Amino acid sequence: MNPKKNNEFKIGEIVVYPKHGVGEVRKIESLEVESIKTKYYVVQMEQDKLMIRVPLDKQEEVGLRKIASKKILNKIFDTLKLKPKIRRIMWSRRAQEYDAKIFSGDPLRIAEVIRDLFRKNNQQEQSYSERQMFQVALERLAREVAAIEKTDYFQATEKIENTLLTK
């Protein structure tokens, strides 16, 4: 139960929780349940106005991490510029793979989903579920890009979409 020093988060730090996206560490608190005292990060999620408590000793298990670096940001935009990889398998199987990528919390894997599901206006129409999945991935990535670049969600979304349109 001794978290590595480099994995400790400070109050006010922006973090990513893979299942919910970008949030801010608001405080570190101790709770006692059945005489077992545990320390928790209290993370205010940006999107859903959700407050999450992550036990300090479970942060790696749930994938809580710092926002990506500028170096990773460049790789994200390089990934978005690549040609889409469309696998010729049933949508339900691809949807499972995309879902796993989105909820992995890895911004590069999320960028792959966005790249592969993006359609220009002159391209074939997407199904409702493809559009929904694209929107979830786009929102997740845009919130992290906004946090890295210290901008807002709308500017980050626009930057991602412009990158997709220029390839």
Protein backbone atom coordinates (compact mmCIF):
# COMPACT_ATOMS: atom_id res chain seq x y z
CA MET A 1 0.00 0.00 0.00
CA ASN A 2 2.84 2.34 -0.79
CA PRO A 3 2.09 4.25 -4.02
CA LYS A 4 5.12 5.33 -6.00
CA LYS A 5 6.01 8.96 -5.41
CA ASN A 6 5.82 9.88 -9.11
CA ASN A 7 2.24 8.60 -9.26
CA GLU A 8 0.94 10.83 -6.51
CA PHE A 9 -1.36 13.62 -7.56
CA LYS A 10 -1.61 17.06 -6.02
CA ILE A 11 -4.77 18.95 -5.20
CA GLY A 12 -5.73 21.02 -8.26
CA GLU A 13 -3.96 18.67 -10.69
CA ILE A 14 -5.81 17.70 -13.88
CA VAL A 15 -6.02 13.92 -14.31
CA VAL A 16 -7.67 11.37 -16.59
CA TYR A 17 -9.88 8.60 -15.26
CA PRO A 18 -10.32 6.17 -18.19
CA LYS A 19 -14.01 5.38 -17.60
CA HIS A 20 -15.07 9.03 -17.28
CA GLY A 21 -12.44 11.29 -18.85
CA VAL A 22 -10.79 14.47 -17.58
CA GLY A 23 -11.18 15.68 -14.01
CA GLU A 24 -9.47 17.68 -11.30
CA VAL A 25 -8.16 16.38 -7.99
CA ARG A 26 -10.14 18.45 -5.48
CA LYS A 27 -8.88 16.94 -2.24
CA ILE A 28 -7.37 13.92 -0.58
CA GLU A 29 -9.50 12.54 2.21
CA SER A 30 -9.53 9.62 4.59
CA LEU A 31 -12.61 7.49 5.12
CA GLU A 32 -13.03 4.70 7.59
CA VAL A 33 -15.18 1.75 6.57
CA GLU A 34 -15.52 -1.18 8.98
CA SER A 35 -12.48 0.06 10.94
CA ILE A 36 -10.29 0.13 7.82
CA LYS A 37 -9.00 3.62 7.10
CA THR A 38 -8.36 4.39 3.44
CA LYS A 39 -7.09 7.55 1.74
CA TYR A 40 -8.91 8.68 -1.41
CA TYR A 41 -8.40 11.19 -4.18
CA VAL A 42 -11.62 13.12 -4.64
CA VAL A 43 -11.79 13.88 -8.37
CA GLN A 44 -14.35 16.31 -9.82
CA MET A 45 -15.06 15.10 -13.34
CA GLU A 46 -15.32 17.90 -15.89
CA GLN A 47 -18.13 16.52 -17.98
CA ASP A 48 -20.85 14.96 -15.87
CA LYS A 49 -20.48 17.10 -12.73
CA LEU A 50 -19.55 13.77 -11.18
CA MET A 51 -17.42 13.42 -8.05
CA ILE A 52 -15.32 10.25 -7.94
CA ARG A 53 -13.34 8.86 -5.02
CA VAL A 54 -10.31 6.80 -6.01
CA PRO A 55 -8.42 4.94 -3.26
CA LEU A 56 -4.74 5.93 -3.39
CA ASP A 57 -3.75 2.26 -3.43
CA LYS A 58 -6.07 1.54 -6.42
CA GLN A 59 -5.07 4.46 -8.68
CA GLU A 60 -2.95 2.29 -10.99
CA GLU A 61 -5.57 -0.45 -11.10
CA VAL A 62 -8.28 1.97 -12.30
CA GLY A 63 -5.83 3.75 -14.63
CA LEU A 64 -5.90 7.21 -13.03
CA ARG A 65 -3.13 9.18 -14.75
CA LYS A 66 -1.77 12.64 -15.43
CA ILE A 67 -2.91 14.33 -18.65
CA ALA A 68 -0.75 13.54 -21.67
CA SER A 69 2.42 15.47 -22.45
CA LYS A 70 2.95 17.85 -25.39
CA LYS A 71 4.99 15.05 -27.03
CA ILE A 72 1.97 12.71 -26.86
CA LEU A 73 -0.23 15.58 -28.11
CA ASN A 74 1.89 15.77 -31.27
CA LYS A 75 1.52 11.99 -31.72
CA ILE A 76 -2.27 12.36 -31.31
CA PHE A 77 -2.44 14.82 -34.19
CA ASP A 78 -0.07 12.67 -36.29
CA THR A 79 -2.45 9.72 -35.71
CA LEU A 80 -5.46 11.82 -36.75
CA LYS A 81 -3.71 12.70 -40.04
CA LEU A 82 -3.18 9.05 -41.00
CA LYS A 83 -5.40 7.16 -43.42
CA PRO A 84 -8.31 5.43 -41.62
CA LYS A 85 -7.94 1.73 -40.94
CA ILE A 86 -11.31 0.20 -41.70
CA ARG A 87 -11.46 -3.48 -40.87
CA ARG A 88 -13.95 -5.54 -42.85
CA ILE A 89 -15.56 -7.24 -39.89
CA MET A 90 -19.06 -6.99 -38.49
CA TRP A 91 -19.93 -3.67 -36.89
CA SER A 92 -20.68 -5.28 -33.53
CA ARG A 93 -17.12 -6.63 -33.32
CA ARG A 94 -15.57 -3.32 -34.44
CA ALA A 95 -17.80 -1.47 -31.95
CA GLN A 96 -16.42 -3.65 -29.14
CA GLU A 97 -12.87 -2.86 -30.24
CA TYR A 98 -13.60 0.87 -30.47
CA ASP A 99 -15.28 0.81 -27.07
CA ALA A 100 -12.24 -0.87 -25.53
CA LYS A 101 -10.00 1.80 -27.06
CA ILE A 102 -12.17 4.68 -25.83
CA PHE A 103 -12.41 3.36 -22.28
CA SER A 104 -8.71 2.42 -22.15
CA GLY A 105 -8.07 6.09 -21.42
CA ASP A 106 -5.12 6.06 -23.86
CA PRO A 107 -5.39 9.26 -25.96
CA LEU A 108 -3.57 7.66 -28.92
CA ARG A 109 -6.03 4.77 -29.03
CA ILE A 110 -8.95 7.23 -28.77
CA ALA A 111 -7.43 9.23 -31.66
CA GLU A 112 -7.41 6.01 -33.73
CA VAL A 113 -11.16 5.58 -33.13
CA ILE A 114 -11.83 9.18 -34.19
CA ARG A 115 -9.66 8.80 -37.29
CA ASP A 116 -11.32 5.53 -38.29
CA LEU A 117 -14.91 6.70 -37.70
CA PHE A 118 -14.58 10.21 -39.18
CA ARG A 119 -16.56 10.87 -42.36
CA LYS A 120 -16.32 13.90 -44.60
CA ASN A 121 -19.63 15.24 -45.91
CA ASN A 122 -19.12 13.68 -49.33
CA GLN A 123 -18.50 10.20 -47.88
CA GLN A 124 -20.90 7.36 -47.15
CA GLU A 125 -23.40 8.04 -44.36
CA GLN A 126 -22.66 6.54 -40.94
CA SER A 127 -25.04 4.51 -38.84
CA TYR A 128 -26.47 6.06 -35.69
CA SER A 129 -24.24 3.91 -33.46
CA GLU A 130 -21.11 4.88 -35.46
CA ARG A 131 -21.95 8.58 -35.06
CA GLN A 132 -22.61 8.09 -31.33
CA MET A 133 -19.31 6.31 -30.80
CA PHE A 134 -17.47 8.98 -32.82
CA GLN A 135 -19.02 11.70 -30.61
CA VAL A 136 -18.03 9.93 -27.38
CA ALA A 137 -14.44 9.50 -28.59
CA LEU A 138 -14.26 13.08 -29.89
CA GLU A 139 -15.53 14.52 -26.62
CA ARG A 140 -13.13 12.41 -24.56
CA LEU A 141 -10.11 13.41 -26.66
CA ALA A 142 -11.11 17.07 -27.00
CA ARG A 143 -11.35 17.45 -23.22
CA GLU A 144 -7.83 16.10 -22.78
CA VAL A 145 -6.45 18.21 -25.64
CA ALA A 146 -8.09 21.27 -24.06
CA ALA A 147 -6.48 20.46 -20.70
CA ILE A 148 -3.03 19.97 -22.29
CA GLU A 149 -3.24 23.17 -24.36
CA LYS A 150 -4.98 25.15 -21.59
CA THR A 151 -7.79 26.06 -23.95
CA ASP A 152 -11.48 25.21 -23.94
CA TYR A 153 -13.36 22.16 -25.13
CA PHE A 154 -14.82 23.91 -28.21
CA GLN A 155 -11.44 25.14 -29.48
CA ALA A 156 -9.96 21.68 -28.96
CA THR A 157 -12.87 20.05 -30.82
CA GLU A 158 -12.43 22.50 -33.70
CA LYS A 159 -8.68 21.79 -33.88
CA ILE A 160 -9.32 18.02 -34.02
CA GLU A 161 -12.02 18.40 -36.70
CA ASN A 162 -9.83 20.73 -38.79
CA THR A 163 -7.01 18.20 -38.62
CA LEU A 164 -9.37 15.48 -39.86
CA LEU A 165 -10.68 17.68 -42.69
CA THR A 166 -7.21 18.58 -44.00
CA LYS A 167 -6.00 15.03 -44.63
